[in-house]
Protein backbone atom coordinates (compact mmCIF):
# COMPACT_ATOMS: atom_id res chain seq x y z
CA MET A 1 89.14 110.70 94.22
CA GLN A 2 91.27 107.47 94.11
CA LYS A 3 92.19 105.74 97.22
CA SER A 4 95.89 105.54 97.93
CA ILE A 5 97.20 102.05 98.05
CA SER A 6 100.20 101.14 100.22
CA GLU A 7 102.86 98.63 99.15
CA SER A 8 102.84 96.74 102.36
CA ALA A 9 99.10 96.14 102.09
CA VAL A 10 99.48 94.91 98.56
CA ARG A 11 102.26 92.55 99.76
CA ARG A 12 100.03 91.27 102.60
CA GLN A 13 97.30 90.63 100.13
CA ALA A 14 99.64 88.71 97.70
CA LYS A 15 101.03 86.75 100.68
CA ARG A 16 97.45 85.49 101.49
CA ARG A 17 97.08 84.16 97.98
CA GLY A 18 100.56 82.34 98.09
CA TRP A 19 102.06 85.05 95.77
CA MET A 20 104.99 87.36 96.37
CA LEU A 21 105.12 91.13 95.17
CA ILE A 22 108.47 91.84 93.66
CA LYS A 23 109.59 95.41 93.13
CA PHE A 24 112.13 96.27 90.38
CA ARG A 25 115.28 96.98 92.34
CA GLY A 26 116.85 99.69 90.19
CA ARG A 27 117.42 102.98 91.98
CA ASN A 28 117.59 105.43 88.93
CA PRO A 29 114.17 107.18 88.47
CA ASP A 30 115.09 107.75 84.80
CA VAL A 31 114.91 104.08 83.95
CA HIS A 32 111.52 103.18 82.61
CA ARG A 33 111.25 100.12 85.03
CA TYR A 34 111.64 102.28 88.12
CA GLY A 35 108.85 101.81 90.55
CA ILE A 36 107.14 98.92 88.96
CA PHE A 37 106.22 95.49 90.29
CA LYS A 38 105.48 91.83 89.34
CA LEU A 39 103.55 88.97 91.01
CA SER A 40 105.22 85.69 91.42
CA ASP A 41 103.81 82.32 92.88
CA VAL A 42 105.76 81.31 95.90
CA GLN A 43 105.17 77.53 95.35
CA THR A 44 106.03 77.24 91.69
CA ASP A 45 108.06 80.49 91.35
CA GLY A 46 106.17 81.18 88.33
CA LEU A 47 104.99 84.58 87.26
CA VAL A 48 101.29 85.39 88.02
CA LEU A 49 101.36 88.92 86.63
CA MET A 50 104.31 90.38 85.02
CA ASN A 51 103.37 93.08 82.39
CA ASP A 52 100.75 95.27 81.36
CA GLU A 53 100.29 97.30 78.05
CA LEU A 54 102.82 100.14 79.08
CA ASN A 55 105.76 98.26 80.76
CA SER A 56 107.69 95.26 79.50
CA TYR A 57 108.90 94.35 82.97
CA GLY A 58 105.96 94.81 85.17
CA CYS A 59 103.05 96.83 86.44
CA ASP A 60 102.44 99.62 88.68
CA LEU A 61 101.32 98.96 92.36
CA GLU A 62 97.60 99.87 91.52
CA LYS A 63 97.47 97.30 88.63
CA CYS A 64 98.87 94.60 90.93
CA ALA A 65 96.32 95.43 93.76
CA GLU A 66 93.54 95.46 91.12
CA TYR A 67 94.66 91.99 89.94
CA ILE A 68 94.88 90.50 93.55
CA SER A 69 91.33 91.77 94.49
């Protein structure tokens, strides 16, 4: 059984590394980007993690948490 990951916990982990977790702001669940994230470096405003094999915009929360840890 996989452990549930909270968005706030991943945000805190990212902040400790100097990154920011950004969630796609669209509110329509039918859009393919709905509920996905990307990681950005706070200092350089550059992308740390933007996409995986499935999404062109970003990754799901679990993938971001895995990348951070």
